[in-house]
PDB file of N, CA and C in Angstrom:
ATOM      1  N   MET A   1       0.765  -1.300  -0.035  1.00  0.00           N
ATOM      2  CA  MET A   1       0.219   0.051  -0.024  1.00  0.00           C
ATOM      3  C   MET A   1       0.902   1.315  -0.051  1.00  0.00           C
ATOM      4  N   THR A   2       0.467   2.406  -0.754  1.00  0.00           N
ATOM      5  CA  THR A   2       1.345   3.630  -0.907  1.00  0.00           C
ATOM      6  C   THR A   2       0.641   4.456  -0.004  1.00  0.00           C
ATOM      7  N   CYS A   3       1.602   4.942   0.740  1.00  0.00           N
ATOM      8  CA  CYS A   3       1.108   5.984   2.031  1.00  0.00           C
ATOM      9  C   CYS A   3       0.786   7.386   1.242  1.00  0.00           C
ATOM     10  N   LEU A   4       0.215   7.942   1.961  1.00  0.00           N
ATOM     11  CA  LEU A   4      -0.564   9.433   1.347  1.00  0.00           C
ATOM     12  C   LEU A   4       1.189  10.317   1.813  1.00  0.00           C
ATOM     13  N   SER A   5       1.046  11.371   0.828  1.00  0.00           N
ATOM     14  CA  SER A   5       2.295  12.420   0.787  1.00  0.00           C
ATOM     15  C   SER A   5       1.687  13.203   1.643  1.00  0.00           C
ATOM     16  N   ASP A   6       2.805  14.375   2.573  1.00  0.00           N
ATOM     17  CA  ASP A   6       2.476  15.311   3.272  1.00  0.00           C
ATOM     18  C   ASP A   6       1.513  16.269   2.789  1.00  0.00           C
ATOM     19  N   ASP A   7       1.616  16.405   1.547  1.00  0.00           N
ATOM     20  CA  ASP A   7       0.934  17.475   0.849  1.00  0.00           C
ATOM     21  C   ASP A   7      -0.899  17.141   0.562  1.00  0.00           C
ATOM     22  N   ALA A   8      -0.749  15.654   0.243  1.00  0.00           N
ATOM     23  CA  ALA A   8      -2.080  15.158   0.407  1.00  0.00           C
ATOM     24  C   ALA A   8      -2.839  15.352   1.622  1.00  0.00           C
ATOM     25  N   LEU A   9      -1.845  15.251   2.890  1.00  0.00           N
ATOM     26  CA  LEU A   9      -2.601  15.139   4.206  1.00  0.00           C
ATOM     27  C   LEU A   9      -3.074  16.452   4.400  1.00  0.00           C
ATOM     28  N   LEU A  10      -2.035  17.609   4.182  1.00  0.00           N
ATOM     29  CA  LEU A  10      -2.319  18.914   4.204  1.00  0.00           C
ATOM     30  C   LEU A  10      -3.571  19.263   3.463  1.00  0.00           C
ATOM     31  N   ASP A  11      -3.705  18.812   2.317  1.00  0.00           N
ATOM     32  CA  ASP A  11      -4.757  19.473   1.335  1.00  0.00           C
ATOM     33  C   ASP A  11      -6.137  18.628   1.944  1.00  0.00           C
ATOM     34  N   TRP A  12      -6.087  17.542   2.530  1.00  0.00           N
ATOM     35  CA  TRP A  12      -7.089  16.819   3.257  1.00  0.00           C
ATOM     36  C   TRP A  12      -7.637  17.669   4.532  1.00  0.00           C
ATOM     37  N   ALA A  13      -6.754  18.119   5.328  1.00  0.00           N
ATOM     38  CA  ALA A  13      -6.846  18.811   6.488  1.00  0.00           C
ATOM     39  C   ALA A  13      -7.408  20.341   6.214  1.00  0.00           C
ATOM     40  N   LEU A  14      -6.875  20.824   5.175  1.00  0.00           N
ATOM     41  CA  LEU A  14      -7.305  22.126   4.879  1.00  0.00           C
ATOM     42  C   LEU A  14      -8.747  22.436   4.188  1.00  0.00           C
ATOM     43  N   LEU A  15      -8.752  21.651   3.111  1.00  0.00           N
ATOM     44  CA  LEU A  15      -9.986  21.758   2.093  1.00  0.00           C
ATOM     45  C   LEU A  15     -11.115  20.953   2.902  1.00  0.00           C
ATOM     46  N   GLY A  16     -10.883  20.253   4.178  1.00  0.00           N
ATOM     47  CA  GLY A  16     -12.238  19.457   4.416  1.00  0.00           C
ATOM     48  C   GLY A  16     -12.212  17.985   4.085  1.00  0.00           C
ATOM     49  N   ARG A  17     -12.305  17.259   5.358  1.00  0.00           N
ATOM     50  CA  ARG A  17     -12.183  15.826   5.225  1.00  0.00           C
ATOM     51  C   ARG A  17     -13.036  15.097   4.346  1.00  0.00           C
ATOM     52  N   GLU A  18     -14.044  15.656   3.724  1.00  0.00           N
ATOM     53  CA  GLU A  18     -15.173  15.428   2.751  1.00  0.00           C
ATOM     54  C   GLU A  18     -14.602  15.713   1.695  1.00  0.00           C
ATOM     55  N   ALA A  19     -13.711  16.280   1.133  1.00  0.00           N
ATOM     56  CA  ALA A  19     -13.390  16.904  -0.162  1.00  0.00           C
ATOM     57  C   ALA A  19     -12.787  15.713  -0.861  1.00  0.00           C
ATOM     58  N   ASP A  20     -12.042  14.941  -0.330  1.00  0.00           N
ATOM     59  CA  ASP A  20     -11.708  13.550  -0.978  1.00  0.00           C
ATOM     60  C   ASP A  20     -11.906  12.400  -0.082  1.00  0.00           C
ATOM     61  N   PRO A  21     -12.653  11.839  -1.100  1.00  0.00           N
ATOM     62  CA  PRO A  21     -13.130  10.267  -0.414  1.00  0.00           C
ATOM     63  C   PRO A  21     -12.100   9.042  -0.402  1.00  0.00           C
ATOM     64  N   ALA A  22     -10.875   9.195  -1.381  1.00  0.00           N
ATOM     65  CA  ALA A  22     -10.050   8.208  -1.437  1.00  0.00           C
ATOM     66  C   ALA A  22      -9.059   8.609  -0.432  1.00  0.00           C
ATOM     67  N   VAL A  23      -8.585   9.836   0.279  1.00  0.00           N
ATOM     68  CA  VAL A  23      -7.906   9.727   1.352  1.00  0.00           C
ATOM     69  C   VAL A  23      -8.542   9.172   2.428  1.00  0.00           C
ATOM     70  N   ASP A  24      -9.936   9.382   2.655  1.00  0.00           N
ATOM     71  CA  ASP A  24     -10.741   8.784   3.858  1.00  0.00           C
ATOM     72  C   ASP A  24     -10.802   7.109   3.748  1.00  0.00           C
ATOM     73  N   ALA A  25     -10.731   6.845   2.261  1.00  0.00           N
ATOM     74  CA  ALA A  25     -10.598   5.179   2.421  1.00  0.00           C
ATOM     75  C   ALA A  25      -9.091   4.723   3.081  1.00  0.00           C
ATOM     76  N   HIS A  26      -8.124   5.462   2.263  1.00  0.00           N
ATOM     77  CA  HIS A  26      -7.008   5.164   2.748  1.00  0.00           C
ATOM     78  C   HIS A  26      -6.401   5.020   4.349  1.00  0.00           C
ATOM     79  N   LEU A  27      -7.124   6.263   4.911  1.00  0.00           N
ATOM     80  CA  LEU A  27      -6.851   6.306   6.207  1.00  0.00           C
ATOM     81  C   LEU A  27      -7.515   5.427   7.057  1.00  0.00           C
ATOM     82  N   THR A  28      -8.533   4.612   6.687  1.00  0.00           N
ATOM     83  CA  THR A  28      -9.199   3.891   7.244  1.00  0.00           C
ATOM     84  C   THR A  28      -8.644   2.370   7.394  1.00  0.00           C
ATOM     85  N   GLY A  29      -7.639   2.555   6.337  1.00  0.00           N
ATOM     86  CA  GLY A  29      -6.768   0.954   5.952  1.00  0.00           C
ATOM     87  C   GLY A  29      -5.242   1.226   6.446  1.00  0.00           C
ATOM     88  N   CYS A  30      -4.519   2.734   6.871  1.00  0.00           N
ATOM     89  CA  CYS A  30      -3.422   2.663   7.148  1.00  0.00           C
ATOM     90  C   CYS A  30      -3.323   3.333   8.499  1.00  0.00           C
ATOM     91  N   PRO A  31      -2.731   2.320   9.207  1.00  0.00           N
ATOM     92  CA  PRO A  31      -2.459   3.055  10.643  1.00  0.00           C
ATOM     93  C   PRO A  31      -1.459   3.943  10.711  1.00  0.00           C
ATOM     94  N   ALA A  32      -0.524   3.921   9.847  1.00  0.00           N
ATOM     95  CA  ALA A  32       0.708   5.175   9.626  1.00  0.00           C
ATOM     96  C   ALA A  32       0.125   6.419   9.446  1.00  0.00           C
ATOM     97  N   CYS A  33      -0.459   6.547   8.031  1.00  0.00           N
ATOM     98  CA  CYS A  33      -1.194   7.500   7.802  1.00  0.00           C
ATOM     99  C   CYS A  33      -2.198   8.206   8.684  1.00  0.00           C
ATOM    100  N   ARG A  34      -3.297   7.372   9.307  1.00  0.00           N
ATOM    101  CA  ARG A  34      -3.927   7.767  10.388  1.00  0.00           C
ATOM    102  C   ARG A  34      -3.445   8.461  11.220  1.00  0.00           C
ATOM    103  N   GLU A  35      -2.238   7.965  11.839  1.00  0.00           N
ATOM    104  CA  GLU A  35      -1.214   8.760  12.679  1.00  0.00           C
ATOM    105  C   GLU A  35      -0.833  10.191  12.322  1.00  0.00           C
ATOM    106  N   ARG A  36      -0.353  10.019  11.230  1.00  0.00           N
ATOM    107  CA  ARG A  36       0.122  11.400  10.506  1.00  0.00           C
ATOM    108  C   ARG A  36      -1.063  12.424  10.342  1.00  0.00           C
ATOM    109  N   SER A  37      -2.346  11.948   9.660  1.00  0.00           N
ATOM    110  CA  SER A  37      -3.260  12.702   9.839  1.00  0.00           C
ATOM    111  C   SER A  37      -3.733  13.347  11.261  1.00  0.00           C
ATOM    112  N   ARG A  38      -3.897  12.716  12.090  1.00  0.00           N
ATOM    113  CA  ARG A  38      -4.090  13.112  13.580  1.00  0.00           C
ATOM    114  C   ARG A  38      -3.016  14.343  13.941  1.00  0.00           C
ATOM    115  N   ALA A  39      -1.648  14.188  13.491  1.00  0.00           N
ATOM    116  CA  ALA A  39      -0.886  14.959  13.856  1.00  0.00           C
ATOM    117  C   ALA A  39      -0.972  16.236  12.899  1.00  0.00           C
ATOM    118  N   VAL A  40      -1.195  15.922  11.719  1.00  0.00           N
ATOM    119  CA  VAL A  40      -1.961  17.271  10.705  1.00  0.00           C
ATOM    120  C   VAL A  40      -3.150  18.063  11.423  1.00  0.00           C
ATOM    121  N   LEU A  41      -4.024  17.236  12.044  1.00  0.00           N
ATOM    122  CA  LEU A  41      -4.973  18.017  12.290  1.00  0.00           C
ATOM    123  C   LEU A  41      -4.448  18.763  13.953  1.00  0.00           C
ATOM    124  N   ALA A  42      -4.164  18.223  14.671  1.00  0.00           N
ATOM    125  CA  ALA A  42      -3.547  18.572  15.925  1.00  0.00           C
ATOM    126  C   ALA A  42      -2.794  20.105  15.443  1.00  0.00           C
ATOM    127  N   GLU A  43      -1.921  19.984  14.549  1.00  0.00           N
ATOM    128  CA  GLU A  43      -1.178  21.344  14.107  1.00  0.00           C
ATOM    129  C   GLU A  43      -2.229  22.435  13.467  1.00  0.00           C
ATOM    130  N   GLN A  44      -3.179  21.874  12.759  1.00  0.00           N
ATOM    131  CA  GLN A  44      -3.964  22.745  12.249  1.00  0.00           C
ATOM    132  C   GLN A  44      -4.810  23.536  13.447  1.00  0.00           C
ATOM    133  N   SER A  45      -4.996  22.753  14.310  1.00  0.00           N
ATOM    134  CA  SER A  45      -5.759  23.436  15.604  1.00  0.00           C
ATOM    135  C   SER A  45      -4.956  24.175  16.163  1.00  0.00           C
ATOM    136  N   LEU A  46      -3.852  23.918  16.660  1.00  0.00           N
ATOM    137  CA  LEU A  46      -2.794  24.810  17.412  1.00  0.00           C
ATOM    138  C   LEU A  46      -2.768  25.894  16.350  1.00  0.00           C
ATOM    139  N   LEU A  47      -2.367  25.965  14.956  1.00  0.00           N
ATOM    140  CA  LEU A  47      -2.270  27.421  14.373  1.00  0.00           C
ATOM    141  C   LEU A  47      -3.606  27.982  14.312  1.00  0.00           C
ATOM    142  N   ARG A  48      -4.731  27.391  14.369  1.00  0.00           N
ATOM    143  CA  ARG A  48      -5.856  28.178  14.237  1.00  0.00           C
ATOM    144  C   ARG A  48      -6.013  28.956  15.590  1.00  0.00           C
ATOM    145  N   ASP A  49      -5.592  28.426  16.559  1.00  0.00           N
ATOM    146  CA  ASP A  49      -6.160  28.912  17.766  1.00  0.00           C
ATOM    147  C   ASP A  49      -5.046  30.088  18.239  1.00  0.00           C
ATOM    148  N   ALA A  50      -3.378  29.858  17.691  1.00  0.00           N
ATOM    149  CA  ALA A  50      -2.530  30.843  17.963  1.00  0.00           C
ATOM    150  C   ALA A  50      -2.784  32.119  17.248  1.00  0.00           C
ATOM    151  N   PHE A  51      -3.215  32.140  16.023  1.00  0.00           N
ATOM    152  CA  PHE A  51      -3.659  33.083  15.328  1.00  0.00           C
ATOM    153  C   PHE A  51      -4.997  33.641  15.045  1.00  0.00           C
ATOM    154  N   ALA A  52      -6.051  33.313  16.064  1.00  0.00           N
ATOM    155  CA  ALA A  52      -7.228  33.463  16.201  1.00  0.00           C
ATOM    156  C   ALA A  52      -7.478  34.985  16.817  1.00  0.00           C
ATOM    157  N   GLU A  53      -8.354  35.955  16.161  1.00  0.00           N
ATOM    158  CA  GLU A  53      -8.471  37.003  16.611  1.00  0.00           C
ATOM    159  C   GLU A  53      -8.955  37.034  18.030  1.00  0.00           C
ATOM    160  N   PRO A  54      -8.438  37.839  18.968  1.00  0.00           N
ATOM    161  CA  PRO A  54      -8.718  37.823  20.455  1.00  0.00           C
ATOM    162  C   PRO A  54     -10.436  38.402  20.686  1.00  0.00           C
ATOM    163  N   ALA A  55     -10.896  38.226  21.457  1.00  0.00           N
ATOM    164  CA  ALA A  55     -12.236  38.729  21.753  1.00  0.00           C
ATOM    165  C   ALA A  55     -11.820  40.053  22.631  1.00  0.00           C
ATOM    166  N   SER A  56     -12.534  40.890  22.054  1.00  0.00           N
ATOM    167  CA  SER A  56     -12.323  42.192  22.577  1.00  0.00           C
ATOM    168  C   SER A  56     -13.117  42.348  23.775  1.00  0.00           C
ATOM    169  N   PRO A  57     -12.793  43.548  24.656  1.00  0.00           N
ATOM    170  CA  PRO A  57     -13.096  43.190  26.153  1.00  0.00           C
ATOM    171  C   PRO A  57     -14.503  43.824  25.957  1.00  0.00           C
ATOM    172  N   VAL A  58     -15.324  43.700  27.136  1.00  0.00           N
ATOM    173  CA  VAL A  58     -16.743  43.807  27.222  1.00  0.00           C
ATOM    174  C   VAL A  58     -17.115  45.415  27.338  1.00  0.00           C
ATOM    175  N   GLY A  59     -17.715  45.728  26.421  1.00  0.00           N
ATOM    176  CA  GLY A  59     -18.009  47.262  26.559  1.00  0.00           C
ATOM    177  C   GLY A  59     -17.051  48.218  25.659  1.00  0.00           C
ATOM    178  N   LEU A  60     -16.057  47.589  24.897  1.00  0.00           N
ATOM    179  CA  LEU A  60     -15.071  48.408  24.433  1.00  0.00           C
ATOM    180  C   LEU A  60     -15.673  49.302  23.170  1.00  0.00           C
ATOM    181  N   THR A  61     -16.526  48.672  22.522  1.00  0.00           N
ATOM    182  CA  THR A  61     -17.286  49.701  21.375  1.00  0.00           C
ATOM    183  C   THR A  61     -17.950  50.559  21.914  1.00  0.00           C
ATOM    184  N   THR A  62     -18.843  50.375  23.045  1.00  0.00           N
ATOM    185  CA  THR A  62     -19.434  51.398  23.647  1.00  0.00           C
ATOM    186  C   THR A  62     -18.754  52.481  24.310  1.00  0.00           C
ATOM    187  N   ARG A  63     -17.698  52.049  24.489  1.00  0.00           N
ATOM    188  CA  ARG A  63     -16.613  53.252  24.872  1.00  0.00           C
ATOM    189  C   ARG A  63     -15.837  54.091  23.772  1.00  0.00           C
ATOM    190  N   VAL A  64     -15.682  53.526  22.880  1.00  0.00           N
ATOM    191  CA  VAL A  64     -14.852  53.693  21.533  1.00  0.00           C
ATOM    192  C   VAL A  64     -15.564  54.338  20.583  1.00  0.00           C
ATOM    193  N   LEU A  65     -16.482  54.050  20.444  1.00  0.00           N
ATOM    194  CA  LEU A  65     -17.519  54.870  19.382  1.00  0.00           C
ATOM    195  C   LEU A  65     -18.134  56.377  19.610  1.00  0.00           C
ATOM    196  N   PRO A  66     -18.419  56.494  20.748  1.00  0.00           N
ATOM    197  CA  PRO A  66     -18.642  57.810  21.015  1.00  0.00           C
ATOM    198  C   PRO A  66     -17.427  59.127  20.635  1.00  0.00           C
ATOM    199  N   ALA A  67     -16.127  58.401  21.362  1.00  0.00           N
ATOM    200  CA  ALA A  67     -14.904  59.029  21.375  1.00  0.00           C
ATOM    201  C   ALA A  67     -14.457  59.158  19.821  1.00  0.00           C
ATOM    202  N   ARG A  68     -15.138  58.495  18.576  1.00  0.00           N
ATOM    203  CA  ARG A  68     -14.890  58.896  17.292  1.00  0.00           C
ATOM    204  C   ARG A  68     -15.883  59.558  16.391  1.00  0.00           C
ATOM    205  N   GLU A  69     -16.763  60.211  17.138  1.00  0.00           N
ATOM    206  CA  GLU A  69     -17.603  61.084  16.675  1.00  0.00           C
ATOM    207  C   GLU A  69     -16.770  62.252  15.943  1.00  0.00           C
ATOM    208  N   PRO A  70     -16.958  62.575  14.951  1.00  0.00           N
ATOM    209  CA  PRO A  70     -16.742  63.467  13.906  1.00  0.00           C
ATOM    210  C   PRO A  70     -17.044  64.968  14.852  1.00  0.00           C
ATOM    211  N   ARG A  71     -15.606  65.599  14.859  1.00  0.00           N
ATOM    212  CA  ARG A  71     -15.976  66.988  15.332  1.00  0.00           C
ATOM    213  C   ARG A  71     -16.265  68.319  14.235  1.00  0.00           C
ATOM    214  N   THR A  72     -17.334  68.340  13.859  1.00  0.00           N
ATOM    215  CA  THR A  72     -17.678  68.794  12.700  1.00  0.00           C
ATOM    216  C   THR A  72     -17.258  70.221  12.686  1.00  0.00           C
ATOM    217  N   TRP A  73     -17.439  70.972  14.040  1.00  0.00           N
ATOM    218  CA  TRP A  73     -17.331  72.491  13.833  1.00  0.00           C
ATOM    219  C   TRP A  73     -16.040  72.670  13.872  1.00  0.00           C
ATOM    220  N   ALA A  74     -15.087  71.822  14.547  1.00  0.00           N
ATOM    221  CA  ALA A  74     -13.627  72.155  14.232  1.00  0.00           C
ATOM    222  C   ALA A  74     -13.053  71.826  12.807  1.00  0.00           C
ATOM    223  N   ARG A  75     -13.416  70.927  11.927  1.00  0.00           N
ATOM    224  CA  ARG A  75     -13.012  70.818  10.822  1.00  0.00           C
ATOM    225  C   ARG A  75     -13.434  72.130   9.945  1.00  0.00           C
ATOM    226  N   VAL A  76     -14.911  72.537  10.094  1.00  0.00           N
ATOM    227  CA  VAL A  76     -15.294  73.704   9.360  1.00  0.00           C
ATOM    228  C   VAL A  76     -14.619  74.523   9.893  1.00  0.00           C
ATOM    229  N   GLY A  77     -14.183  75.262  11.125  1.00  0.00           N
ATOM    230  CA  GLY A  77     -13.312  76.291  11.350  1.00  0.00           C
ATOM    231  C   GLY A  77     -11.887  75.891  10.842  1.00  0.00           C
ATOM    232  N   ILE A  78     -11.516  74.984  10.822  1.00  0.00           N
ATOM    233  CA  ILE A  78      -9.951  74.878   9.906  1.00  0.00           C
ATOM    234  C   ILE A  78     -10.029  74.768   8.585  1.00  0.00           C
ATOM    235  N   ALA A  79     -11.152  74.548   8.025  1.00  0.00           N
ATOM    236  CA  ALA A  79     -11.365  74.832   6.374  1.00  0.00           C
ATOM    237  C   ALA A  79     -11.670  76.382   6.382  1.00  0.00           C
ATOM    238  N   ALA A  80     -12.321  76.957   7.115  1.00  0.00           N
ATOM    239  CA  ALA A  80     -12.463  78.596   7.037  1.00  0.00           C
ATOM    240  C   ALA A  80     -11.067  79.137   7.118  1.00  0.00           C
ATOM    241  N   LEU A  81     -10.322  78.898   7.866  1.00  0.00           N
ATOM    242  CA  LEU A  81      -8.714  79.475   8.225  1.00  0.00           C
ATOM    243  C   LEU A  81      -8.063  79.141   7.083  1.00  0.00           C
ATOM    244  N   LEU A  82      -8.139  77.982   6.384  1.00  0.00           N
ATOM    245  CA  LEU A  82      -7.629  77.786   5.486  1.00  0.00           C
ATOM    246  C   LEU A  82      -7.466  78.497   4.136  1.00  0.00           C
ATOM    247  N   LEU A  83      -9.006  78.699   3.759  1.00  0.00           N
ATOM    248  CA  LEU A  83      -9.278  79.583   2.971  1.00  0.00           C
ATOM    249  C   LEU A  83      -9.141  80.935   3.159  1.00  0.00           C
ATOM    250  N   LEU A  84      -9.175  81.290   4.525  1.00  0.00           N
ATOM    251  CA  LEU A  84      -8.651  83.076   4.619  1.00  0.00           C
ATOM    252  C   LEU A  84      -7.313  83.089   4.342  1.00  0.00           C
ATOM    253  N   GLY A  85      -6.496  82.102   4.713  1.00  0.00           N
ATOM    254  CA  GLY A  85      -5.172  81.836   4.651  1.00  0.00           C
ATOM    255  C   GLY A  85      -4.647  82.289   3.022  1.00  0.00           C
ATOM    256  N   LEU A  86      -5.159  81.370   2.495  1.00  0.00           N
ATOM    257  CA  LEU A  86      -4.902  81.097   0.941  1.00  0.00           C
ATOM    258  C   LEU A  86      -5.291  82.470  -0.066  1.00  0.00           C
ATOM    259  N   GLY A  87      -6.339  82.581   0.664  1.00  0.00           N
ATOM    260  CA  GLY A  87      -7.028  84.322   0.199  1.00  0.00           C
ATOM    261  C   GLY A  87      -5.885  85.466   0.334  1.00  0.00           C
ATOM    262  N   GLY A  88      -5.720  85.465   1.575  1.00  0.00           N
ATOM    263  CA  GLY A  88      -4.499  86.562   1.872  1.00  0.00           C
ATOM    264  C   GLY A  88      -3.009  86.233   1.146  1.00  0.00           C
ATOM    265  N   VAL A  89      -2.783  85.100   0.995  1.00  0.00           N
ATOM    266  CA  VAL A  89      -1.534  84.945   0.104  1.00  0.00           C
ATOM    267  C   VAL A  89      -1.844  85.340  -1.386  1.00  0.00           C
ATOM    268  N   ALA A  90      -3.266  84.878  -1.966  1.00  0.00           N
ATOM    269  CA  ALA A  90      -3.103  85.395  -3.133  1.00  0.00           C
ATOM    270  C   ALA A  90      -3.403  86.737  -3.292  1.00  0.00           C
ATOM    271  N   LEU A  91      -3.725  87.512  -2.126  1.00  0.00           N
ATOM    272  CA  LEU A  91      -3.854  88.984  -2.381  1.00  0.00           C
ATOM    273  C   LEU A  91      -2.577  89.447  -2.542  1.00  0.00           C
ATOM    274  N   LEU A  92      -1.655  89.129  -1.535  1.00  0.00           N
ATOM    275  CA  LEU A  92      -0.541  89.450  -1.469  1.00  0.00           C
ATOM    276  C   LEU A  92       0.231  89.265  -2.532  1.00  0.00           C
ATOM    277  N   LEU A  93      -0.036  88.093  -3.104  1.00  0.00           N
ATOM    278  CA  LEU A  93       1.030  87.971  -4.490  1.00  0.00           C
ATOM    279  C   LEU A  93       0.291  88.812  -5.789  1.00  0.00           C
ATOM    280  N   GLN A  94      -0.878  89.016  -5.786  1.00  0.00           N
ATOM    281  CA  GLN A  94      -1.410  89.926  -6.832  1.00  0.00           C
ATOM    282  C   GLN A  94      -1.134  91.168  -6.568  1.00  0.00           C
ATOM    283  N   THR A  95      -0.971  91.999  -5.528  1.00  0.00           N
ATOM    284  CA  THR A  95      -0.585  93.223  -5.341  1.00  0.00           C
ATOM    285  C   THR A  95       1.189  93.693  -5.660  1.00  0.00           C
ATOM    286  N   ALA A  96       1.642  92.223  -5.047  1.00  0.00           N
ATOM    287  CA  ALA A  96       3.274  92.444  -5.182  1.00  0.00           C
ATOM    288  C   ALA A  96       3.601  92.702  -7.049  1.00  0.00           C
ATOM    289  N   HIS A  97       2.647  91.952  -7.950  1.00  0.00           N
ATOM    290  CA  HIS A  97       2.963  91.836  -9.344  1.00  0.00           C
ATOM    291  C   HIS A  97       2.348  93.101  -9.792  1.00  0.00           C
ATOM    292  N   HIS A  98       1.653  93.790  -9.381  1.00  0.00           N
ATOM    293  CA  HIS A  98       0.863  95.190  -9.874  1.00  0.00           C
ATOM    294  C   HIS A  98       1.257  96.133  -8.752  1.00  0.00           C
ATOM    295  N   PRO A  99       2.328  96.925  -8.855  1.00  0.00           N
ATOM    296  CA  PRO A  99       2.715  98.108  -7.929  1.00  0.00           C
ATOM    297  C   PRO A  99       1.591  98.993  -8.252  1.00  0.00           C
ATOM    298  N   ALA A 100       1.549  99.688  -7.393  1.00  0.00           N
ATOM    299  CA  ALA A 100       0.431 101.178  -7.451  1.00  0.00           C
ATOM    300  C   ALA A 100       1.249 101.883  -8.517  1.00  0.00           C
ATOM    301  N   ARG A 101       0.028 102.405  -9.199  1.00  0.00           N
ATOM    302  CA  ARG A 101       0.415 103.405 -10.400  1.00  0.00           C
ATOM    303  C   ARG A 101       0.537 104.751  -9.882  1.00  0.00           C
ATOM    304  N   VAL A 102       1.237 105.723  -9.905  1.00  0.00           N
ATOM    305  CA  VAL A 102       1.538 106.950  -9.634  1.00  0.00           C
ATOM    306  C   VAL A 102       0.615 107.661 -10.345  1.00  0.00           C
ATOM    307  N   ALA A 103      -0.201 108.658  -9.748  1.00  0.00           N
ATOM    308  CA  ALA A 103      -1.119 109.552 -10.237  1.00  0.00           C
ATOM    309  C   ALA A 103      -0.605 110.479 -11.344  1.00  0.00           C
ATOM    310  N   GLY A 104      -0.982 110.738 -12.298  1.00  0.00           N
ATOM    311  CA  GLY A 104      -0.478 111.516 -13.579  1.00  0.00           C
ATOM    312  C   GLY A 104       0.487 110.718 -14.428  1.00  0.00           C
ATOM    313  N   ARG A 105       0.741 109.842 -14.493  1.00  0.00           N
ATOM    314  CA  ARG A 105       1.596 109.068 -15.569  1.00  0.00           C
ATOM    315  C   ARG A 105       0.846 108.254 -16.129  1.00  0.00           C
TER     316      ARG A 105
END
């Protein structure tokens, strides 16, 4: 009997045990591959647990969401100051390029 490759066992573990009935049939008759499959499944479980997203603390969203409310008036004020500043710079540049005309010339 030819034993399963490591790649075949990994595919079987990752894609779902029902994905390949031939692997299941082989595992029922091969104790060595069955033991390797248990090791692969145990590794998958450890990796899944190690990289699982941790649960957020109770009430975190109720504390964080109000703090993230947009400060609309602050943004409007900053935008107004920016526009006034840009307008002032534009006015200064325009008057610098057109010096005052002397009366009578």
